[in-house]
N, C-alpha and C. Protein backbone atom coordinates (compact mmCIF):
# COMPACT_ATOMS: atom_id res chain seq x y z
N MET A 1 -52.89 38.37 -6.68
CA MET A 1 -53.93 39.34 -6.87
C MET A 1 -53.78 40.03 -8.23
N LYS A 2 -52.51 40.37 -8.60
CA LYS A 2 -52.28 41.02 -9.87
C LYS A 2 -52.69 40.13 -11.04
N ILE A 3 -52.40 38.87 -10.95
CA ILE A 3 -52.72 37.94 -12.02
C ILE A 3 -54.24 37.86 -12.20
N LYS A 4 -54.99 37.81 -11.09
CA LYS A 4 -56.44 37.74 -11.17
C LYS A 4 -56.98 39.00 -11.84
N SER A 5 -56.39 40.14 -11.53
CA SER A 5 -56.84 41.41 -12.13
C SER A 5 -56.59 41.40 -13.64
N TYR A 6 -55.42 40.93 -14.03
CA TYR A 6 -55.11 40.87 -15.45
C TYR A 6 -56.03 39.91 -16.19
N LEU A 7 -56.30 38.77 -15.59
CA LEU A 7 -57.22 37.80 -16.20
C LEU A 7 -58.62 38.39 -16.32
N TYR A 8 -59.03 39.10 -15.26
CA TYR A 8 -60.36 39.71 -15.26
C TYR A 8 -60.45 40.78 -16.35
N ILE A 9 -59.42 41.59 -16.51
CA ILE A 9 -59.40 42.64 -17.54
C ILE A 9 -59.36 42.01 -18.93
N ALA A 10 -58.56 40.97 -19.10
CA ALA A 10 -58.47 40.28 -20.38
C ALA A 10 -59.82 39.67 -20.74
N LEU A 11 -60.50 39.08 -19.76
CA LEU A 11 -61.82 38.48 -19.97
C LEU A 11 -62.83 39.55 -20.40
N LEU A 12 -62.79 40.72 -19.74
CA LEU A 12 -63.69 41.81 -20.12
C LEU A 12 -63.42 42.30 -21.53
N ILE A 13 -62.15 42.42 -21.87
CA ILE A 13 -61.79 42.89 -23.21
C ILE A 13 -62.27 41.90 -24.26
N CYS A 14 -62.07 40.60 -24.02
CA CYS A 14 -62.49 39.58 -24.99
C CYS A 14 -64.01 39.58 -25.17
N THR A 15 -64.75 39.60 -24.06
CA THR A 15 -66.21 39.59 -24.18
C THR A 15 -66.71 40.88 -24.81
N GLY A 16 -66.01 41.96 -24.53
CA GLY A 16 -66.38 43.24 -25.14
C GLY A 16 -66.16 43.22 -26.64
N GLN A 17 -65.07 42.62 -27.08
CA GLN A 17 -64.79 42.54 -28.50
C GLN A 17 -65.79 41.63 -29.21
N VAL A 18 -66.15 40.53 -28.58
CA VAL A 18 -67.12 39.62 -29.19
C VAL A 18 -68.46 40.31 -29.35
N SER A 19 -68.93 40.97 -28.29
CA SER A 19 -70.22 41.63 -28.40
C SER A 19 -70.15 42.79 -29.39
N PHE A 20 -69.00 43.49 -29.45
CA PHE A 20 -68.84 44.59 -30.40
C PHE A 20 -68.89 44.07 -31.83
N SER A 21 -68.19 42.94 -32.09
CA SER A 21 -68.17 42.42 -33.45
C SER A 21 -69.54 41.88 -33.85
N GLN A 22 -70.28 41.30 -32.91
CA GLN A 22 -71.62 40.83 -33.23
C GLN A 22 -72.53 42.00 -33.56
N ASP A 23 -72.41 43.10 -32.79
CA ASP A 23 -73.22 44.28 -33.09
C ASP A 23 -72.88 44.84 -34.46
N THR A 24 -71.62 44.86 -34.78
CA THR A 24 -71.18 45.41 -36.07
C THR A 24 -71.76 44.58 -37.21
N ILE A 25 -71.69 43.27 -37.11
CA ILE A 25 -72.24 42.40 -38.15
C ILE A 25 -73.74 42.61 -38.25
N HIS A 26 -74.39 42.71 -37.11
CA HIS A 26 -75.84 42.89 -37.11
C HIS A 26 -76.23 44.22 -37.75
N LYS A 27 -75.48 45.27 -37.44
CA LYS A 27 -75.80 46.59 -37.98
C LYS A 27 -75.51 46.67 -39.48
N GLN A 28 -74.49 45.98 -39.95
CA GLN A 28 -74.10 46.08 -41.35
C GLN A 28 -74.98 45.24 -42.26
N GLY A 29 -75.68 44.27 -41.75
CA GLY A 29 -76.54 43.45 -42.60
C GLY A 29 -76.03 42.03 -42.70
N ASN A 30 -76.14 41.47 -43.90
CA ASN A 30 -75.80 40.07 -44.12
C ASN A 30 -74.29 39.86 -44.14
N VAL A 31 -73.90 38.65 -43.77
CA VAL A 31 -72.50 38.26 -43.85
C VAL A 31 -72.23 37.86 -45.30
N LEU A 32 -71.11 38.30 -45.83
CA LEU A 32 -70.77 37.98 -47.21
C LEU A 32 -70.43 36.51 -47.37
N GLY A 33 -70.84 35.97 -48.51
CA GLY A 33 -70.42 34.63 -48.86
C GLY A 33 -69.05 34.71 -49.48
N GLY A 34 -68.47 33.58 -49.77
CA GLY A 34 -67.15 33.59 -50.36
C GLY A 34 -66.95 32.45 -51.34
N LYS A 35 -65.96 32.61 -52.18
CA LYS A 35 -65.56 31.56 -53.12
C LYS A 35 -64.09 31.29 -52.89
N ILE A 36 -63.73 30.05 -53.00
CA ILE A 36 -62.32 29.69 -52.85
C ILE A 36 -61.74 29.54 -54.25
N ILE A 37 -60.77 30.39 -54.56
CA ILE A 37 -60.11 30.37 -55.87
C ILE A 37 -58.62 30.24 -55.62
N ASP A 38 -58.03 29.17 -56.11
CA ASP A 38 -56.60 28.88 -55.94
C ASP A 38 -56.19 28.92 -54.47
N GLY A 39 -57.04 28.37 -53.62
CA GLY A 39 -56.71 28.30 -52.19
C GLY A 39 -56.95 29.58 -51.43
N ASP A 40 -57.42 30.61 -52.07
CA ASP A 40 -57.66 31.89 -51.42
C ASP A 40 -59.17 32.15 -51.37
N THR A 41 -59.67 32.56 -50.21
CA THR A 41 -61.09 32.85 -50.06
C THR A 41 -61.34 34.30 -50.44
N ILE A 42 -62.23 34.47 -51.41
CA ILE A 42 -62.54 35.81 -51.91
C ILE A 42 -64.01 36.09 -51.64
N PRO A 43 -64.31 37.26 -51.03
CA PRO A 43 -65.72 37.60 -50.80
C PRO A 43 -66.50 37.64 -52.11
N HIS A 44 -67.75 37.16 -52.06
CA HIS A 44 -68.56 37.07 -53.28
C HIS A 44 -70.00 37.40 -52.96
N ILE A 45 -70.57 38.33 -53.72
CA ILE A 45 -72.00 38.60 -53.61
C ILE A 45 -72.58 38.70 -55.01
N THR A 46 -73.87 38.42 -55.13
CA THR A 46 -74.57 38.54 -56.41
C THR A 46 -75.40 39.80 -56.35
N LEU A 47 -75.17 40.69 -57.29
CA LEU A 47 -75.91 41.95 -57.34
C LEU A 47 -77.13 41.81 -58.24
N GLU A 48 -78.19 42.54 -57.93
CA GLU A 48 -79.35 42.58 -58.80
C GLU A 48 -79.00 43.38 -60.05
N GLU A 49 -79.70 43.05 -61.16
CA GLU A 49 -79.48 43.78 -62.39
C GLU A 49 -79.95 45.21 -62.23
N VAL A 50 -79.22 46.11 -62.83
CA VAL A 50 -79.59 47.52 -62.81
C VAL A 50 -79.80 47.94 -64.26
N TYR A 51 -80.94 48.53 -64.54
CA TYR A 51 -81.25 48.98 -65.89
C TYR A 51 -81.13 50.49 -65.95
N VAL A 52 -80.47 50.96 -66.96
CA VAL A 52 -80.33 52.39 -67.18
C VAL A 52 -81.19 52.74 -68.38
N ILE A 53 -82.18 53.58 -68.15
CA ILE A 53 -83.11 53.96 -69.20
C ILE A 53 -82.80 55.39 -69.63
N ALA A 54 -82.74 55.59 -70.93
CA ALA A 54 -82.48 56.93 -71.46
C ALA A 54 -83.68 57.83 -71.16
N ASN A 55 -83.44 59.10 -71.12
CA ASN A 55 -84.51 60.07 -70.93
C ASN A 55 -85.35 60.09 -72.21
N LEU A 56 -86.57 59.61 -72.12
CA LEU A 56 -87.42 59.48 -73.29
C LEU A 56 -88.42 60.62 -73.40
N LYS A 57 -88.14 61.72 -72.78
CA LYS A 57 -89.05 62.87 -72.84
C LYS A 57 -88.89 63.57 -74.19
N PRO A 58 -89.97 63.63 -74.98
CA PRO A 58 -89.88 64.32 -76.27
C PRO A 58 -89.78 65.83 -76.11
N ASN A 59 -89.18 66.49 -77.10
CA ASN A 59 -88.92 67.93 -77.01
C ASN A 59 -90.07 68.79 -77.50
N ASN A 60 -90.74 68.40 -78.60
CA ASN A 60 -91.79 69.25 -79.15
C ASN A 60 -93.11 68.47 -79.23
N TRP A 61 -94.16 69.14 -79.62
CA TRP A 61 -95.49 68.54 -79.62
C TRP A 61 -95.59 67.39 -80.61
N TRP A 62 -94.88 67.48 -81.77
CA TRP A 62 -94.93 66.41 -82.76
C TRP A 62 -94.27 65.14 -82.23
N GLN A 63 -93.14 65.29 -81.58
CA GLN A 63 -92.47 64.14 -80.99
C GLN A 63 -93.30 63.56 -79.85
N LYS A 64 -93.95 64.42 -79.07
CA LYS A 64 -94.82 63.94 -77.99
C LYS A 64 -95.96 63.10 -78.55
N LEU A 65 -96.55 63.56 -79.65
CA LEU A 65 -97.65 62.83 -80.28
C LEU A 65 -97.17 61.46 -80.78
N LYS A 66 -96.01 61.43 -81.46
CA LYS A 66 -95.45 60.16 -81.96
C LYS A 66 -95.11 59.21 -80.80
N TYR A 67 -94.55 59.77 -79.74
CA TYR A 67 -94.16 58.99 -78.57
C TYR A 67 -95.40 58.38 -77.90
N LYS A 68 -96.43 59.19 -77.74
CA LYS A 68 -97.67 58.71 -77.12
C LYS A 68 -98.33 57.63 -77.98
N ARG A 69 -98.31 57.82 -79.29
CA ARG A 69 -98.88 56.83 -80.21
C ARG A 69 -98.09 55.52 -80.13
N LEU A 70 -96.76 55.62 -80.04
CA LEU A 70 -95.92 54.42 -79.93
C LEU A 70 -96.23 53.66 -78.65
N ILE A 71 -96.41 54.38 -77.55
CA ILE A 71 -96.76 53.73 -76.28
C ILE A 71 -98.09 53.00 -76.40
N ASN A 72 -99.09 53.66 -76.99
CA ASN A 72 -100.40 53.02 -77.16
C ASN A 72 -100.32 51.80 -78.08
N ASN A 73 -99.51 51.90 -79.14
CA ASN A 73 -99.34 50.76 -80.05
C ASN A 73 -98.66 49.58 -79.34
N ILE A 74 -97.67 49.87 -78.53
CA ILE A 74 -96.99 48.79 -77.80
C ILE A 74 -97.97 48.11 -76.84
N LYS A 75 -98.77 48.90 -76.14
CA LYS A 75 -99.74 48.33 -75.21
C LYS A 75 -100.75 47.43 -75.93
N LYS A 76 -101.09 47.78 -77.15
CA LYS A 76 -102.07 47.00 -77.90
C LYS A 76 -101.46 45.77 -78.56
N VAL A 77 -100.23 45.91 -79.08
CA VAL A 77 -99.65 44.87 -79.93
C VAL A 77 -98.75 43.89 -79.17
N TYR A 78 -98.07 44.33 -78.14
CA TYR A 78 -97.10 43.47 -77.46
C TYR A 78 -97.72 42.18 -76.90
N PRO A 79 -98.94 42.23 -76.33
CA PRO A 79 -99.53 40.95 -75.89
C PRO A 79 -99.70 39.94 -77.03
N TYR A 80 -100.00 40.41 -78.24
CA TYR A 80 -100.11 39.50 -79.39
C TYR A 80 -98.75 38.90 -79.73
N ALA A 81 -97.69 39.68 -79.62
CA ALA A 81 -96.35 39.17 -79.91
C ALA A 81 -95.95 38.10 -78.90
N LYS A 82 -96.28 38.32 -77.63
CA LYS A 82 -95.97 37.31 -76.61
C LYS A 82 -96.78 36.04 -76.86
N LEU A 83 -98.02 36.21 -77.26
CA LEU A 83 -98.86 35.06 -77.58
C LEU A 83 -98.31 34.33 -78.80
N ALA A 84 -97.81 35.08 -79.77
CA ALA A 84 -97.21 34.47 -80.97
C ALA A 84 -96.02 33.60 -80.59
N ARG A 85 -95.20 34.09 -79.64
CA ARG A 85 -94.05 33.29 -79.19
C ARG A 85 -94.51 31.98 -78.57
N LYS A 86 -95.52 32.07 -77.72
CA LYS A 86 -96.03 30.86 -77.05
C LYS A 86 -96.60 29.88 -78.07
N LYS A 87 -97.42 30.37 -78.98
CA LYS A 87 -98.02 29.50 -80.02
C LYS A 87 -96.94 28.93 -80.93
N PHE A 88 -95.93 29.74 -81.26
CA PHE A 88 -94.84 29.28 -82.13
C PHE A 88 -94.09 28.12 -81.49
N GLN A 89 -93.80 28.23 -80.19
CA GLN A 89 -93.09 27.15 -79.50
C GLN A 89 -93.93 25.88 -79.45
N GLU A 90 -95.22 26.01 -79.13
CA GLU A 90 -96.11 24.85 -79.09
C GLU A 90 -96.22 24.21 -80.47
N MET A 91 -96.42 25.05 -81.49
CA MET A 91 -96.58 24.56 -82.85
C MET A 91 -95.32 23.87 -83.33
N ASN A 92 -94.17 24.45 -83.05
CA ASN A 92 -92.91 23.91 -83.53
C ASN A 92 -92.66 22.52 -82.96
N GLU A 93 -92.92 22.33 -81.66
CA GLU A 93 -92.72 21.02 -81.05
C GLU A 93 -93.60 19.96 -81.71
N TYR A 94 -94.87 20.28 -81.90
CA TYR A 94 -95.79 19.29 -82.49
C TYR A 94 -95.48 19.08 -83.97
N TYR A 95 -95.19 20.15 -84.69
CA TYR A 95 -94.90 20.09 -86.13
C TYR A 95 -93.71 19.18 -86.41
N LEU A 96 -92.67 19.29 -85.59
CA LEU A 96 -91.48 18.47 -85.80
C LEU A 96 -91.71 17.00 -85.50
N SER A 97 -92.75 16.71 -84.72
CA SER A 97 -93.04 15.30 -84.41
C SER A 97 -93.83 14.61 -85.52
N LEU A 98 -94.41 15.38 -86.44
CA LEU A 98 -95.19 14.79 -87.53
C LEU A 98 -94.25 14.16 -88.56
N LYS A 99 -94.70 13.06 -89.12
CA LYS A 99 -93.83 12.28 -90.01
C LYS A 99 -93.95 12.69 -91.48
N THR A 100 -95.16 12.75 -92.01
CA THR A 100 -95.33 12.97 -93.44
C THR A 100 -95.67 14.43 -93.76
N GLU A 101 -95.45 14.78 -95.01
CA GLU A 101 -95.76 16.13 -95.47
C GLU A 101 -97.27 16.38 -95.43
N LYS A 102 -98.05 15.33 -95.69
CA LYS A 102 -99.51 15.47 -95.67
C LYS A 102 -99.99 15.83 -94.26
N GLU A 103 -99.46 15.14 -93.26
CA GLU A 103 -99.82 15.44 -91.86
C GLU A 103 -99.43 16.87 -91.50
N LYS A 104 -98.24 17.28 -91.92
CA LYS A 104 -97.77 18.63 -91.62
C LYS A 104 -98.67 19.68 -92.28
N ARG A 105 -99.05 19.45 -93.54
CA ARG A 105 -99.90 20.39 -94.26
C ARG A 105 -101.28 20.48 -93.61
N GLN A 106 -101.85 19.31 -93.24
CA GLN A 106 -103.16 19.31 -92.58
C GLN A 106 -103.10 20.03 -91.23
N TYR A 107 -102.04 19.79 -90.50
CA TYR A 107 -101.88 20.46 -89.20
C TYR A 107 -101.80 21.96 -89.37
N MET A 108 -101.00 22.43 -90.33
CA MET A 108 -100.83 23.87 -90.55
C MET A 108 -102.13 24.52 -91.00
N ASN A 109 -102.88 23.84 -91.88
CA ASN A 109 -104.16 24.40 -92.34
C ASN A 109 -105.16 24.48 -91.19
N GLY A 110 -105.20 23.45 -90.35
CA GLY A 110 -106.09 23.47 -89.19
C GLY A 110 -105.70 24.55 -88.20
N LEU A 111 -104.40 24.70 -87.97
CA LEU A 111 -103.91 25.72 -87.04
C LEU A 111 -104.20 27.12 -87.57
N GLU A 112 -104.00 27.32 -88.86
CA GLU A 112 -104.28 28.62 -89.47
C GLU A 112 -105.76 28.98 -89.31
N LYS A 113 -106.65 28.01 -89.55
CA LYS A 113 -108.08 28.27 -89.39
C LYS A 113 -108.43 28.58 -87.94
N GLU A 114 -107.84 27.82 -87.02
CA GLU A 114 -108.09 28.05 -85.59
C GLU A 114 -107.64 29.44 -85.16
N LEU A 115 -106.46 29.85 -85.60
CA LEU A 115 -105.95 31.18 -85.24
C LEU A 115 -106.77 32.30 -85.86
N MET A 116 -107.21 32.10 -87.11
CA MET A 116 -108.03 33.12 -87.76
C MET A 116 -109.39 33.24 -87.07
N ASP A 117 -109.96 32.11 -86.66
CA ASP A 117 -111.24 32.17 -85.93
C ASP A 117 -111.09 32.88 -84.60
N GLU A 118 -109.96 32.64 -83.92
CA GLU A 118 -109.76 33.21 -82.59
C GLU A 118 -109.31 34.67 -82.62
N PHE A 119 -108.38 35.00 -83.52
CA PHE A 119 -107.77 36.34 -83.49
C PHE A 119 -107.97 37.15 -84.76
N GLY A 120 -108.56 36.59 -85.79
CA GLY A 120 -108.67 37.27 -87.08
C GLY A 120 -109.35 38.62 -87.00
N ASP A 121 -110.50 38.68 -86.33
CA ASP A 121 -111.24 39.95 -86.25
C ASP A 121 -110.44 41.02 -85.51
N GLU A 122 -109.77 40.62 -84.42
CA GLU A 122 -108.98 41.59 -83.65
C GLU A 122 -107.79 42.10 -84.46
N LEU A 123 -107.12 41.21 -85.18
CA LEU A 123 -105.94 41.62 -85.94
C LEU A 123 -106.31 42.47 -87.15
N LYS A 124 -107.50 42.26 -87.69
CA LYS A 124 -107.95 43.08 -88.81
C LYS A 124 -108.19 44.53 -88.38
N GLN A 125 -108.40 44.74 -87.09
CA GLN A 125 -108.66 46.08 -86.57
C GLN A 125 -107.37 46.88 -86.34
N LEU A 126 -106.22 46.24 -86.47
CA LEU A 126 -104.95 46.95 -86.25
C LEU A 126 -104.70 47.95 -87.37
N SER A 127 -104.11 49.07 -87.00
CA SER A 127 -103.71 50.05 -88.00
C SER A 127 -102.44 49.56 -88.71
N ILE A 128 -102.05 50.26 -89.77
CA ILE A 128 -100.85 49.87 -90.51
C ILE A 128 -99.61 49.98 -89.62
N SER A 129 -99.53 51.05 -88.83
CA SER A 129 -98.35 51.21 -87.95
C SER A 129 -98.34 50.13 -86.86
N GLN A 130 -99.50 49.74 -86.37
CA GLN A 130 -99.55 48.66 -85.39
C GLN A 130 -99.16 47.33 -86.02
N GLY A 131 -99.56 47.11 -87.28
CA GLY A 131 -99.17 45.90 -88.00
C GLY A 131 -97.67 45.81 -88.20
N ARG A 132 -97.06 46.95 -88.57
CA ARG A 132 -95.59 46.97 -88.74
C ARG A 132 -94.89 46.68 -87.42
N LEU A 133 -95.41 47.28 -86.35
CA LEU A 133 -94.82 47.05 -85.03
C LEU A 133 -94.97 45.58 -84.64
N LEU A 134 -96.12 45.00 -84.92
CA LEU A 134 -96.34 43.58 -84.59
C LEU A 134 -95.34 42.69 -85.33
N LEU A 135 -95.08 42.99 -86.60
CA LEU A 135 -94.10 42.20 -87.36
C LEU A 135 -92.72 42.25 -86.71
N LYS A 136 -92.31 43.44 -86.26
CA LYS A 136 -91.02 43.58 -85.59
C LYS A 136 -91.00 42.83 -84.25
N LEU A 137 -92.10 42.94 -83.51
CA LEU A 137 -92.14 42.29 -82.19
C LEU A 137 -92.23 40.77 -82.30
N ILE A 138 -92.83 40.27 -83.38
CA ILE A 138 -92.81 38.81 -83.60
C ILE A 138 -91.38 38.35 -83.81
N ASP A 139 -90.59 39.12 -84.56
CA ASP A 139 -89.17 38.79 -84.74
C ASP A 139 -88.45 38.85 -83.40
N ARG A 140 -88.78 39.85 -82.57
CA ARG A 140 -88.14 39.98 -81.25
C ARG A 140 -88.44 38.78 -80.37
N GLU A 141 -89.69 38.34 -80.39
CA GLU A 141 -90.12 37.27 -79.48
C GLU A 141 -89.72 35.88 -79.97
N THR A 142 -89.80 35.63 -81.28
CA THR A 142 -89.53 34.28 -81.78
C THR A 142 -88.11 34.09 -82.30
N GLY A 143 -87.45 35.20 -82.63
CA GLY A 143 -86.11 35.08 -83.21
C GLY A 143 -86.15 34.82 -84.71
N HIS A 144 -87.35 34.87 -85.30
CA HIS A 144 -87.52 34.64 -86.74
C HIS A 144 -88.44 35.71 -87.30
N THR A 145 -88.12 36.20 -88.50
CA THR A 145 -89.02 37.16 -89.13
C THR A 145 -90.28 36.43 -89.56
N SER A 146 -91.34 37.19 -89.79
CA SER A 146 -92.61 36.59 -90.24
C SER A 146 -92.42 35.90 -91.58
N TYR A 147 -91.58 36.46 -92.44
CA TYR A 147 -91.30 35.84 -93.74
C TYR A 147 -90.66 34.47 -93.55
N GLU A 148 -89.68 34.36 -92.65
CA GLU A 148 -89.02 33.07 -92.41
C GLU A 148 -90.00 32.04 -91.88
N ILE A 149 -90.89 32.46 -90.98
CA ILE A 149 -91.88 31.54 -90.41
C ILE A 149 -92.81 31.03 -91.51
N LEU A 150 -93.31 31.96 -92.34
CA LEU A 150 -94.19 31.55 -93.44
C LEU A 150 -93.47 30.61 -94.40
N LYS A 151 -92.24 30.94 -94.73
CA LYS A 151 -91.48 30.13 -95.69
C LYS A 151 -91.24 28.72 -95.14
N ASP A 152 -90.90 28.62 -93.86
CA ASP A 152 -90.62 27.31 -93.27
C ASP A 152 -91.87 26.44 -93.14
N TYR A 153 -93.00 27.05 -92.84
CA TYR A 153 -94.19 26.25 -92.53
C TYR A 153 -95.24 26.23 -93.63
N LYS A 154 -95.27 27.25 -94.49
CA LYS A 154 -96.27 27.28 -95.55
C LYS A 154 -95.65 27.19 -96.95
N GLY A 155 -94.33 27.34 -97.04
CA GLY A 155 -93.66 27.22 -98.33
C GLY A 155 -93.25 28.56 -98.91
N SER A 156 -92.34 28.51 -99.87
CA SER A 156 -91.78 29.72 -100.48
C SER A 156 -92.82 30.52 -101.26
N VAL A 157 -93.72 29.82 -101.95
CA VAL A 157 -94.72 30.50 -102.78
C VAL A 157 -95.65 31.33 -101.90
N SER A 158 -96.11 30.72 -100.82
CA SER A 158 -97.00 31.42 -99.89
C SER A 158 -96.28 32.61 -99.25
N ALA A 159 -95.05 32.42 -98.85
CA ALA A 159 -94.28 33.51 -98.24
C ALA A 159 -94.08 34.64 -99.22
N PHE A 160 -93.79 34.31 -100.49
CA PHE A 160 -93.60 35.34 -101.52
C PHE A 160 -94.89 36.12 -101.75
N PHE A 161 -96.03 35.41 -101.80
CA PHE A 161 -97.33 36.06 -102.01
C PHE A 161 -97.63 37.05 -100.88
N TRP A 162 -97.47 36.60 -99.63
CA TRP A 162 -97.79 37.48 -98.50
C TRP A 162 -96.81 38.63 -98.38
N GLN A 163 -95.57 38.41 -98.77
CA GLN A 163 -94.59 39.49 -98.77
C GLN A 163 -94.96 40.56 -99.80
N ALA A 164 -95.39 40.11 -100.99
CA ALA A 164 -95.80 41.06 -102.03
C ALA A 164 -97.03 41.85 -101.57
N LEU A 165 -97.97 41.19 -100.92
CA LEU A 165 -99.16 41.86 -100.41
C LEU A 165 -98.79 42.86 -99.32
N ALA A 166 -97.89 42.49 -98.44
CA ALA A 166 -97.44 43.39 -97.36
C ALA A 166 -96.75 44.62 -97.95
N LYS A 167 -95.96 44.40 -99.00
CA LYS A 167 -95.25 45.52 -99.64
C LYS A 167 -96.24 46.53 -100.24
N LEU A 168 -97.38 46.04 -100.75
CA LEU A 168 -98.40 46.94 -101.29
C LEU A 168 -98.91 47.92 -100.23
N PHE A 169 -98.94 47.48 -98.99
CA PHE A 169 -99.44 48.31 -97.89
C PHE A 169 -98.31 48.97 -97.10
N GLY A 170 -97.10 48.94 -97.63
CA GLY A 170 -95.99 49.64 -97.01
C GLY A 170 -95.34 48.88 -95.86
N SER A 171 -95.60 47.59 -95.74
CA SER A 171 -95.00 46.78 -94.68
C SER A 171 -93.98 45.84 -95.29
N ASP A 172 -93.27 45.13 -94.43
CA ASP A 172 -92.25 44.20 -94.88
C ASP A 172 -92.20 43.02 -93.91
N LEU A 173 -92.52 41.83 -94.40
CA LEU A 173 -92.49 40.64 -93.55
C LEU A 173 -91.07 40.26 -93.16
N LYS A 174 -90.09 40.80 -93.87
CA LYS A 174 -88.69 40.49 -93.58
C LYS A 174 -88.07 41.47 -92.59
N SER A 175 -88.87 42.36 -92.01
CA SER A 175 -88.31 43.39 -91.13
C SER A 175 -87.75 42.76 -89.86
N ASP A 176 -86.48 43.07 -89.60
CA ASP A 176 -85.78 42.57 -88.42
C ASP A 176 -85.98 43.54 -87.27
N TYR A 177 -85.90 42.98 -86.06
CA TYR A 177 -85.95 43.81 -84.87
C TYR A 177 -84.53 44.11 -84.44
N ASP A 178 -84.20 45.38 -84.27
CA ASP A 178 -82.84 45.80 -83.94
C ASP A 178 -82.85 46.59 -82.64
N PRO A 179 -82.73 45.91 -81.48
CA PRO A 179 -82.85 46.61 -80.20
C PRO A 179 -81.72 47.59 -79.91
N MET A 180 -80.58 47.44 -80.57
CA MET A 180 -79.46 48.35 -80.33
C MET A 180 -79.41 49.46 -81.38
N GLY A 181 -80.21 49.33 -82.42
CA GLY A 181 -80.19 50.32 -83.50
C GLY A 181 -81.48 51.11 -83.54
N GLU A 182 -82.21 50.96 -84.65
CA GLU A 182 -83.39 51.80 -84.87
C GLU A 182 -84.55 51.50 -83.92
N ASP A 183 -84.54 50.34 -83.27
CA ASP A 183 -85.65 49.97 -82.38
C ASP A 183 -85.31 50.12 -80.90
N TRP A 184 -84.31 50.93 -80.56
CA TRP A 184 -83.89 51.04 -79.16
C TRP A 184 -84.98 51.67 -78.30
N ILE A 185 -85.76 52.60 -78.85
CA ILE A 185 -86.84 53.20 -78.06
C ILE A 185 -87.91 52.17 -77.76
N ILE A 186 -88.24 51.36 -78.75
CA ILE A 186 -89.25 50.30 -78.55
C ILE A 186 -88.78 49.35 -77.46
N GLU A 187 -87.50 48.98 -77.49
CA GLU A 187 -86.95 48.06 -76.49
C GLU A 187 -87.09 48.64 -75.08
N GLN A 188 -86.78 49.91 -74.93
CA GLN A 188 -86.89 50.53 -73.61
C GLN A 188 -88.34 50.66 -73.17
N LEU A 189 -89.23 50.97 -74.10
CA LEU A 189 -90.66 51.07 -73.75
C LEU A 189 -91.23 49.70 -73.37
N ILE A 190 -90.76 48.64 -74.03
CA ILE A 190 -91.21 47.29 -73.67
C ILE A 190 -90.74 46.94 -72.27
N PHE A 191 -89.50 47.31 -71.96
CA PHE A 191 -89.01 47.07 -70.60
C PHE A 191 -89.88 47.79 -69.58
N LEU A 192 -90.20 49.06 -69.83
CA LEU A 192 -91.06 49.81 -68.93
C LEU A 192 -92.45 49.18 -68.83
N TYR A 193 -92.96 48.70 -69.95
CA TYR A 193 -94.28 48.04 -69.99
C TYR A 193 -94.26 46.78 -69.13
N GLU A 194 -93.21 45.97 -69.28
CA GLU A 194 -93.11 44.73 -68.50
C GLU A 194 -92.97 45.00 -67.00
N GLN A 195 -92.38 46.13 -66.65
CA GLN A 195 -92.22 46.50 -65.23
C GLN A 195 -93.47 47.18 -64.68
N GLY A 196 -94.47 47.41 -65.54
CA GLY A 196 -95.70 48.07 -65.10
C GLY A 196 -95.55 49.56 -64.95
N LEU A 197 -94.61 50.16 -65.66
CA LEU A 197 -94.35 51.60 -65.52
C LEU A 197 -94.94 52.42 -66.67
N LEU A 198 -95.62 51.79 -67.61
CA LEU A 198 -96.27 52.53 -68.70
C LEU A 198 -97.76 52.63 -68.45
């Protein structure tokens, strides 16, 4: 009789522990995955990226005005920069497949005319500050300054001419995008824009 009682109590304890552990796992969420490193199993989970955004609230009315203007400029210009990246990738693939210099020159002239017909009027409406921002964002998106792109595809003379013209209007085709330096606010505003928070 004693043995049956002990077995019965042991059985209750075991089933109680199993149901308790199942409830605990269910309440805590997902079971962790693991990786085996040097024969030892180590729990492993992948965390989502967390972005820390600086407080971008301006202090005075002048900074508020500049900040608001920068937001509006980004909303207007950033889609063109993304389009420039897409066109640059398409153009680069086809351009590299061409054999002769004549074919390359004809392709570039045709592409330039096509782009001017499609976007010329809109781009002419940009302000000087929007144009400067676009030059920086083209560098951000393509990894090449506008000067480098012109020099590679249209030649040094053309790049020099357009650089001199840009300098007359206070712009610079060689302007680099520096997300950790002077352009950190632009980088954070672009992140907010892409998340739909602007």
